[in-house]
């Protein structure tokens, strides 16, 4: 497992973090580790851009003249039979 040393943390911020860790019944180290792991799991701008590109490609692959689902939804809401049955 890797390690990290963080220097020059504001004293007031460090004290707030200690209180937060104490309120959560965690060590300061466990609180910091969790925050860093959460930050590392977040998507980068490049990853989000790639996801949007893929989503846009999927959207473009859908039929352009998809049938209107309004009547089907109304029938389902009213417990009627749909024309597809």
PDB file of N, CA and C in Angstrom:
ATOM      1  N   UNK A   1       0.845  -1.188   0.000  1.00  0.00           N
ATOM      2  CA  UNK A   1       0.000   0.000   0.000  1.00  0.00           C
ATOM      3  C   UNK A   1       0.881   1.239   0.000  1.00  0.00           C
ATOM      4  N   UNK A   2       0.463   2.221  -0.748  1.00  0.00           N
ATOM      5  CA  UNK A   2       1.198   3.476  -0.815  1.00  0.00           C
ATOM      6  C   UNK A   2       0.919   4.356   0.384  1.00  0.00           C
ATOM      7  N   UNK A   3       1.712   5.366   0.511  1.00  0.00           N
ATOM      8  CA  UNK A   3       1.558   6.339   1.584  1.00  0.00           C
ATOM      9  C   UNK A   3       1.655   7.734   1.009  1.00  0.00           C
ATOM     10  N   UNK A   4       1.099   8.689   1.741  1.00  0.00           N
ATOM     11  CA  UNK A   4       1.179  10.082   1.335  1.00  0.00           C
ATOM     12  C   UNK A   4       1.365  10.924   2.597  1.00  0.00           C
ATOM     13  N   UNK A   5       2.174  11.919   2.506  1.00  0.00           N
ATOM     14  CA  UNK A   5       2.395  12.860   3.596  1.00  0.00           C
ATOM     15  C   UNK A   5       1.925  14.222   3.105  1.00  0.00           C
ATOM     16  N   UNK A   6       1.040  14.844   3.867  1.00  0.00           N
ATOM     17  CA  UNK A   6       0.507  16.140   3.472  1.00  0.00           C
ATOM     18  C   UNK A   6       1.032  17.181   4.454  1.00  0.00           C
ATOM     19  N   UNK A   7       1.722  18.143   3.941  1.00  0.00           N
ATOM     20  CA  UNK A   7       2.308  19.195   4.775  1.00  0.00           C
ATOM     21  C   UNK A   7       1.498  20.478   4.656  1.00  0.00           C
ATOM     22  N   UNK A   8       1.732  21.365   5.611  1.00  0.00           N
ATOM     23  CA  UNK A   8       1.188  22.727   5.599  1.00  0.00           C
ATOM     24  C   UNK A   8      -0.336  22.758   5.551  1.00  0.00           C
ATOM     25  N   UNK A   9      -0.988  21.943   6.372  1.00  0.00           N
ATOM     26  CA  UNK A   9      -2.446  21.992   6.506  1.00  0.00           C
ATOM     27  C   UNK A   9      -2.766  23.079   7.518  1.00  0.00           C
ATOM     28  N   UNK A  10      -3.704  23.932   7.185  1.00  0.00           N
ATOM     29  CA  UNK A  10      -4.128  25.007   8.069  1.00  0.00           C
ATOM     30  C   UNK A  10      -4.551  24.419   9.418  1.00  0.00           C
ATOM     31  N   UNK A  11      -4.072  25.030  10.511  1.00  0.00           N
ATOM     32  CA  UNK A  11      -4.364  24.511  11.854  1.00  0.00           C
ATOM     33  C   UNK A  11      -5.855  24.449  12.131  1.00  0.00           C
ATOM     34  N   UNK A  12      -6.589  25.465  11.714  1.00  0.00           N
ATOM     35  CA  UNK A  12      -8.034  25.483  11.938  1.00  0.00           C
ATOM     36  C   UNK A  12      -8.725  24.366  11.156  1.00  0.00           C
ATOM     37  N   UNK A  13      -8.304  24.165   9.923  1.00  0.00           N
ATOM     38  CA  UNK A  13      -8.876  23.092   9.105  1.00  0.00           C
ATOM     39  C   UNK A  13      -8.558  21.735   9.713  1.00  0.00           C
ATOM     40  N   UNK A  14      -7.344  21.580  10.199  1.00  0.00           N
ATOM     41  CA  UNK A  14      -6.947  20.314  10.809  1.00  0.00           C
ATOM     42  C   UNK A  14      -7.776  20.033  12.060  1.00  0.00           C
ATOM     43  N   UNK A  15      -8.037  21.048  12.849  1.00  0.00           N
ATOM     44  CA  UNK A  15      -8.846  20.872  14.055  1.00  0.00           C
ATOM     45  C   UNK A  15     -10.281  20.503  13.696  1.00  0.00           C
ATOM     46  N   UNK A  16     -10.834  21.139  12.662  1.00  0.00           N
ATOM     47  CA  UNK A  16     -12.192  20.779  12.214  1.00  0.00           C
ATOM     48  C   UNK A  16     -12.227  19.336  11.732  1.00  0.00           C
ATOM     49  N   UNK A  17     -11.188  18.913  11.022  1.00  0.00           N
ATOM     50  CA  UNK A  17     -11.130  17.528  10.548  1.00  0.00           C
ATOM     51  C   UNK A  17     -11.032  16.553  11.719  1.00  0.00           C
ATOM     52  N   UNK A  18     -10.271  16.912  12.741  1.00  0.00           N
ATOM     53  CA  UNK A  18     -10.178  16.049  13.931  1.00  0.00           C
ATOM     54  C   UNK A  18     -11.533  15.907  14.607  1.00  0.00           C
ATOM     55  N   UNK A  19     -12.268  17.037  14.716  1.00  0.00           N
ATOM     56  CA  UNK A  19     -13.600  16.968  15.336  1.00  0.00           C
ATOM     57  C   UNK A  19     -14.551  16.123  14.484  1.00  0.00           C
ATOM     58  N   UNK A  20     -14.482  16.295  13.178  1.00  0.00           N
ATOM     59  CA  UNK A  20     -15.333  15.522  12.272  1.00  0.00           C
ATOM     60  C   UNK A  20     -15.025  14.032  12.387  1.00  0.00           C
ATOM     61  N   UNK A  21     -13.756  13.699  12.418  1.00  0.00           N
ATOM     62  CA  UNK A  21     -13.363  12.300  12.570  1.00  0.00           C
ATOM     63  C   UNK A  21     -13.865  11.746  13.894  1.00  0.00           C
ATOM     64  N   UNK A  22     -13.750  12.541  14.943  1.00  0.00           N
ATOM     65  CA  UNK A  22     -14.209  12.103  16.261  1.00  0.00           C
ATOM     66  C   UNK A  22     -15.718  11.878  16.265  1.00  0.00           C
ATOM     67  N   UNK A  23     -16.477  12.788  15.640  1.00  0.00           N
ATOM     68  CA  UNK A  23     -17.937  12.650  15.565  1.00  0.00           C
ATOM     69  C   UNK A  23     -18.338  11.379  14.817  1.00  0.00           C
ATOM     70  N   UNK A  24     -17.521  10.982  13.869  1.00  0.00           N
ATOM     71  CA  UNK A  24     -17.821   9.781  13.067  1.00  0.00           C
ATOM     72  C   UNK A  24     -17.153   8.528  13.617  1.00  0.00           C
ATOM     73  N   UNK A  25     -16.548   8.668  14.770  1.00  0.00           N
ATOM     74  CA  UNK A  25     -15.842   7.542  15.411  1.00  0.00           C
ATOM     75  C   UNK A  25     -14.768   6.970  14.492  1.00  0.00           C
ATOM     76  N   UNK A  26     -14.037   7.853  13.833  1.00  0.00           N
ATOM     77  CA  UNK A  26     -12.949   7.465  12.955  1.00  0.00           C
ATOM     78  C   UNK A  26     -11.663   8.122  13.428  1.00  0.00           C
ATOM     79  N   UNK A  27     -10.560   7.544  13.027  1.00  0.00           N
ATOM     80  CA  UNK A  27      -9.292   8.235  13.231  1.00  0.00           C
ATOM     81  C   UNK A  27      -9.181   9.316  12.160  1.00  0.00           C
ATOM     82  N   UNK A  28      -8.340  10.298  12.409  1.00  0.00           N
ATOM     83  CA  UNK A  28      -8.100  11.331  11.412  1.00  0.00           C
ATOM     84  C   UNK A  28      -7.555  10.699  10.134  1.00  0.00           C
ATOM     85  N   UNK A  29      -6.712   9.700  10.287  1.00  0.00           N
ATOM     86  CA  UNK A  29      -6.142   9.001   9.138  1.00  0.00           C
ATOM     87  C   UNK A  29      -7.230   8.307   8.320  1.00  0.00           C
ATOM     88  N   UNK A  30      -8.171   7.630   8.997  1.00  0.00           N
ATOM     89  CA  UNK A  30      -9.252   6.932   8.291  1.00  0.00           C
ATOM     90  C   UNK A  30     -10.154   7.929   7.562  1.00  0.00           C
ATOM     91  N   UNK A  31     -10.422   9.078   8.200  1.00  0.00           N
ATOM     92  CA  UNK A  31     -11.236  10.103   7.558  1.00  0.00           C
ATOM     93  C   UNK A  31     -10.552  10.627   6.298  1.00  0.00           C
ATOM     94  N   UNK A  32      -9.264  10.919   6.407  1.00  0.00           N
ATOM     95  CA  UNK A  32      -8.501  11.427   5.264  1.00  0.00           C
ATOM     96  C   UNK A  32      -8.405  10.372   4.167  1.00  0.00           C
ATOM     97  N   UNK A  33      -8.166   9.128   4.540  1.00  0.00           N
ATOM     98  CA  UNK A  33      -8.066   8.047   3.558  1.00  0.00           C
ATOM     99  C   UNK A  33      -9.374   7.925   2.783  1.00  0.00           C
ATOM    100  N   UNK A  34     -10.494   7.958   3.497  1.00  0.00           N
ATOM    101  CA  UNK A  34     -11.793   7.860   2.841  1.00  0.00           C
ATOM    102  C   UNK A  34     -12.046   9.007   1.884  1.00  0.00           C
ATOM    103  N   UNK A  35     -11.671  10.216   2.296  1.00  0.00           N
ATOM    104  CA  UNK A  35     -11.868  11.382   1.431  1.00  0.00           C
ATOM    105  C   UNK A  35     -11.013  11.278   0.171  1.00  0.00           C
ATOM    106  N   UNK A  36      -9.779  10.843   0.332  1.00  0.00           N
ATOM    107  CA  UNK A  36      -8.900  10.693  -0.830  1.00  0.00           C
ATOM    108  C   UNK A  36      -9.377   9.585  -1.761  1.00  0.00           C
ATOM    109  N   UNK A  37      -9.855   8.472  -1.190  1.00  0.00           N
ATOM    110  CA  UNK A  37     -10.361   7.374  -2.031  1.00  0.00           C
ATOM    111  C   UNK A  37     -11.617   7.799  -2.782  1.00  0.00           C
ATOM    112  N   UNK A  38     -12.503   8.564  -2.112  1.00  0.00           N
ATOM    113  CA  UNK A  38     -13.698   9.072  -2.787  1.00  0.00           C
ATOM    114  C   UNK A  38     -13.315   9.994  -3.946  1.00  0.00           C
ATOM    115  N   UNK A  39     -12.346  10.867  -3.704  1.00  0.00           N
ATOM    116  CA  UNK A  39     -11.905  11.793  -4.756  1.00  0.00           C
ATOM    117  C   UNK A  39     -11.301  11.030  -5.931  1.00  0.00           C
ATOM    118  N   UNK A  40     -10.576   9.955  -5.636  1.00  0.00           N
ATOM    119  CA  UNK A  40      -9.931   9.170  -6.699  1.00  0.00           C
ATOM    120  C   UNK A  40     -10.957   8.420  -7.546  1.00  0.00           C
ATOM    121  N   UNK A  41     -12.132   8.117  -6.986  1.00  0.00           N
ATOM    122  CA  UNK A  41     -13.168   7.398  -7.732  1.00  0.00           C
ATOM    123  C   UNK A  41     -13.961   8.315  -8.657  1.00  0.00           C
ATOM    124  N   UNK A  42     -13.879   9.609  -8.465  1.00  0.00           N
ATOM    125  CA  UNK A  42     -14.635  10.538  -9.310  1.00  0.00           C
ATOM    126  C   UNK A  42     -14.099  10.512 -10.728  1.00  0.00           C
ATOM    127  N   UNK A  43     -15.008  10.684 -11.666  1.00  0.00           N
ATOM    128  CA  UNK A  43     -14.632  10.693 -13.079  1.00  0.00           C
ATOM    129  C   UNK A  43     -13.839  11.955 -13.396  1.00  0.00           C
ATOM    130  N   UNK A  44     -12.849  11.814 -14.250  1.00  0.00           N
ATOM    131  CA  UNK A  44     -12.093  12.970 -14.727  1.00  0.00           C
ATOM    132  C   UNK A  44     -12.897  13.658 -15.824  1.00  0.00           C
ATOM    133  N   UNK A  45     -12.492  14.860 -16.188  1.00  0.00           N
ATOM    134  CA  UNK A  45     -13.163  15.571 -17.282  1.00  0.00           C
ATOM    135  C   UNK A  45     -13.074  14.765 -18.577  1.00  0.00           C
ATOM    136  N   UNK A  46     -11.931  14.143 -18.814  1.00  0.00           N
ATOM    137  CA  UNK A  46     -11.787  13.334 -20.036  1.00  0.00           C
ATOM    138  C   UNK A  46     -12.725  12.134 -20.014  1.00  0.00           C
ATOM    139  N   UNK A  47     -12.864  11.491 -18.853  1.00  0.00           N
ATOM    140  CA  UNK A  47     -13.772  10.336 -18.756  1.00  0.00           C
ATOM    141  C   UNK A  47     -15.220  10.772 -18.971  1.00  0.00           C
ATOM    142  N   UNK A  48     -15.605  11.912 -18.382  1.00  0.00           N
ATOM    143  CA  UNK A  48     -16.963  12.414 -18.576  1.00  0.00           C
ATOM    144  C   UNK A  48     -17.210  12.802 -20.033  1.00  0.00           C
ATOM    145  N   UNK A  49     -16.223  13.413 -20.656  1.00  0.00           N
ATOM    146  CA  UNK A  49     -16.339  13.786 -22.066  1.00  0.00           C
ATOM    147  C   UNK A  49     -16.521  12.540 -22.931  1.00  0.00           C
ATOM    148  N   UNK A  50     -15.772  11.480 -22.630  1.00  0.00           N
ATOM    149  CA  UNK A  50     -15.887  10.230 -23.377  1.00  0.00           C
ATOM    150  C   UNK A  50     -17.277   9.617 -23.192  1.00  0.00           C
ATOM    151  N   UNK A  51     -17.788   9.643 -21.959  1.00  0.00           N
ATOM    152  CA  UNK A  51     -19.124   9.114 -21.705  1.00  0.00           C
ATOM    153  C   UNK A  51     -20.175   9.891 -22.497  1.00  0.00           C
ATOM    154  N   UNK A  52     -20.044  11.214 -22.540  1.00  0.00           N
ATOM    155  CA  UNK A  52     -20.990  12.030 -23.304  1.00  0.00           C
ATOM    156  C   UNK A  52     -20.903  11.741 -24.798  1.00  0.00           C
ATOM    157  N   UNK A  53     -19.695  11.514 -25.290  1.00  0.00           N
ATOM    158  CA  UNK A  53     -19.516  11.165 -26.703  1.00  0.00           C
ATOM    159  C   UNK A  53     -20.216   9.849 -27.010  1.00  0.00           C
ATOM    160  N   UNK A  54     -20.049   8.862 -26.141  1.00  0.00           N
ATOM    161  CA  UNK A  54     -20.689   7.554 -26.344  1.00  0.00           C
ATOM    162  C   UNK A  54     -22.208   7.670 -26.251  1.00  0.00           C
ATOM    163  N   UNK A  55     -22.692   8.471 -25.304  1.00  0.00           N
ATOM    164  CA  UNK A  55     -24.124   8.667 -25.162  1.00  0.00           C
ATOM    165  C   UNK A  55     -24.705   9.354 -26.393  1.00  0.00           C
ATOM    166  N   UNK A  56     -23.990  10.336 -26.910  1.00  0.00           N
ATOM    167  CA  UNK A  56     -24.447  11.032 -28.111  1.00  0.00           C
ATOM    168  C   UNK A  56     -24.468  10.089 -29.312  1.00  0.00           C
ATOM    169  N   UNK A  57     -23.469   9.227 -29.424  1.00  0.00           N
ATOM    170  CA  UNK A  57     -23.441   8.250 -30.519  1.00  0.00           C
ATOM    171  C   UNK A  57     -24.622   7.286 -30.390  1.00  0.00           C
ATOM    172  N   UNK A  58     -24.939   6.875 -29.180  1.00  0.00           N
ATOM    173  CA  UNK A  58     -26.092   5.997 -28.959  1.00  0.00           C
ATOM    174  C   UNK A  58     -27.381   6.714 -29.354  1.00  0.00           C
ATOM    175  N   UNK A  59     -27.507   7.969 -28.922  1.00  0.00           N
ATOM    176  CA  UNK A  59     -28.700   8.744 -29.259  1.00  0.00           C
ATOM    177  C   UNK A  59     -28.874   8.844 -30.767  1.00  0.00           C
ATOM    178  N   UNK A  60     -27.781   9.093 -31.482  1.00  0.00           N
ATOM    179  CA  UNK A  60     -27.855   9.198 -32.939  1.00  0.00           C
ATOM    180  C   UNK A  60     -28.200   7.864 -33.590  1.00  0.00           C
ATOM    181  N   UNK A  61     -27.916   6.746 -32.912  1.00  0.00           N
ATOM    182  CA  UNK A  61     -28.205   5.436 -33.490  1.00  0.00           C
ATOM    183  C   UNK A  61     -29.675   5.037 -33.341  1.00  0.00           C
ATOM    184  N   UNK A  62     -30.421   5.762 -32.513  1.00  0.00           N
ATOM    185  CA  UNK A  62     -31.834   5.440 -32.311  1.00  0.00           C
ATOM    186  C   UNK A  62     -32.645   5.836 -33.532  1.00  0.00           C
ATOM    187  N   UNK A  63     -33.752   5.135 -33.773  1.00  0.00           N
ATOM    188  CA  UNK A  63     -34.596   5.486 -34.927  1.00  0.00           C
ATOM    189  C   UNK A  63     -35.089   6.922 -34.813  1.00  0.00           C
ATOM    190  N   UNK A  64     -35.089   7.621 -35.942  1.00  0.00           N
ATOM    191  CA  UNK A  64     -35.483   9.027 -35.921  1.00  0.00           C
ATOM    192  C   UNK A  64     -36.994   9.192 -35.834  1.00  0.00           C
ATOM    193  N   UNK A  65     -37.744   8.229 -36.329  1.00  0.00           N
ATOM    194  CA  UNK A  65     -39.205   8.321 -36.328  1.00  0.00           C
ATOM    195  C   UNK A  65     -39.811   7.301 -35.374  1.00  0.00           C
ATOM    196  N   UNK A  66     -39.345   7.326 -34.144  1.00  0.00           N
ATOM    197  CA  UNK A  66     -39.871   6.393 -33.139  1.00  0.00           C
ATOM    198  C   UNK A  66     -41.343   6.710 -32.894  1.00  0.00           C
ATOM    199  N   UNK A  67     -42.158   5.669 -32.702  1.00  0.00           N
ATOM    200  CA  UNK A  67     -43.587   5.904 -32.480  1.00  0.00           C
ATOM    201  C   UNK A  67     -43.820   6.671 -31.180  1.00  0.00           C
ATOM    202  N   UNK A  68     -44.889   7.463 -31.169  1.00  0.00           N
ATOM    203  CA  UNK A  68     -45.254   8.224 -29.982  1.00  0.00           C
ATOM    204  C   UNK A  68     -45.802   7.250 -28.938  1.00  0.00           C
ATOM    205  N   UNK A  69     -45.268   7.298 -27.749  1.00  0.00           N
ATOM    206  CA  UNK A  69     -45.668   6.357 -26.702  1.00  0.00           C
ATOM    207  C   UNK A  69     -46.817   6.885 -25.848  1.00  0.00           C
ATOM    208  N   UNK A  70     -47.327   8.063 -26.150  1.00  0.00           N
ATOM    209  CA  UNK A  70     -48.361   8.675 -25.318  1.00  0.00           C
ATOM    210  C   UNK A  70     -49.576   7.776 -25.182  1.00  0.00           C
ATOM    211  N   UNK A  71     -50.090   7.244 -26.279  1.00  0.00           N
ATOM    212  CA  UNK A  71     -51.302   6.422 -26.202  1.00  0.00           C
ATOM    213  C   UNK A  71     -51.038   5.137 -25.427  1.00  0.00           C
ATOM    214  N   UNK A  72     -49.874   4.543 -25.591  1.00  0.00           N
ATOM    215  CA  UNK A  72     -49.536   3.331 -24.846  1.00  0.00           C
ATOM    216  C   UNK A  72     -49.459   3.621 -23.355  1.00  0.00           C
ATOM    217  N   UNK A  73     -48.845   4.719 -22.982  1.00  0.00           N
ATOM    218  CA  UNK A  73     -48.738   5.069 -21.572  1.00  0.00           C
ATOM    219  C   UNK A  73     -50.101   5.367 -20.957  1.00  0.00           C
ATOM    220  N   UNK A  74     -50.947   6.062 -21.707  1.00  0.00           N
ATOM    221  CA  UNK A  74     -52.299   6.341 -21.203  1.00  0.00           C
ATOM    222  C   UNK A  74     -53.076   5.047 -20.990  1.00  0.00           C
ATOM    223  N   UNK A  75     -52.974   4.123 -21.935  1.00  0.00           N
ATOM    224  CA  UNK A  75     -53.674   2.849 -21.812  1.00  0.00           C
ATOM    225  C   UNK A  75     -53.169   2.070 -20.599  1.00  0.00           C
ATOM    226  N   UNK A  76     -51.869   2.049 -20.412  1.00  0.00           N
ATOM    227  CA  UNK A  76     -51.310   1.354 -19.253  1.00  0.00           C
ATOM    228  C   UNK A  76     -51.764   2.005 -17.950  1.00  0.00           C
ATOM    229  N   UNK A  77     -51.793   3.317 -17.934  1.00  0.00           N
ATOM    230  CA  UNK A  77     -52.236   4.050 -16.747  1.00  0.00           C
ATOM    231  C   UNK A  77     -53.691   3.728 -16.427  1.00  0.00           C
ATOM    232  N   UNK A  78     -54.518   3.594 -17.462  1.00  0.00           N
ATOM    233  CA  UNK A  78     -55.946   3.342 -17.277  1.00  0.00           C
ATOM    234  C   UNK A  78     -56.272   1.853 -17.242  1.00  0.00           C
ATOM    235  N   UNK A  79     -55.248   1.014 -17.213  1.00  0.00           N
ATOM    236  CA  UNK A  79     -55.414  -0.446 -17.205  1.00  0.00           C
ATOM    237  C   UNK A  79     -56.176  -0.950 -18.424  1.00  0.00           C
ATOM    238  N   UNK A  80     -56.076  -0.231 -19.525  1.00  0.00           N
ATOM    239  CA  UNK A  80     -56.682  -0.667 -20.783  1.00  0.00           C
ATOM    240  C   UNK A  80     -55.701  -1.535 -21.519  1.00  0.00           C
ATOM    241  N   UNK A  81     -56.199  -2.218 -22.515  1.00  0.00           N
ATOM    242  CA  UNK A  81     -55.303  -2.981 -23.368  1.00  0.00           C
ATOM    243  C   UNK A  81     -54.686  -2.056 -24.392  1.00  0.00           C
ATOM    244  N   UNK A  82     -53.430  -2.335 -24.732  1.00  0.00           N
ATOM    245  CA  UNK A  82     -52.777  -1.530 -25.749  1.00  0.00           C
ATOM    246  C   UNK A  82     -52.968  -2.189 -27.103  1.00  0.00           C
ATOM    247  N   UNK A  83     -52.711  -1.446 -28.147  1.00  0.00           N
ATOM    248  CA  UNK A  83     -52.873  -1.979 -29.488  1.00  0.00           C
ATOM    249  C   UNK A  83     -51.807  -3.000 -29.823  1.00  0.00           C
ATOM    250  N   UNK A  84     -50.716  -3.083 -29.002  1.00  0.00           N
ATOM    251  CA  UNK A  84     -49.656  -4.044 -29.247  1.00  0.00           C
ATOM    252  C   UNK A  84     -50.016  -5.439 -28.766  1.00  0.00           C
ATOM    253  N   UNK A  85     -51.050  -5.555 -27.917  1.00  0.00           N
ATOM    254  CA  UNK A  85     -51.405  -6.855 -27.316  1.00  0.00           C
ATOM    255  C   UNK A  85     -52.205  -7.723 -28.252  1.00  0.00           C
TER     256      UNK A  85
END
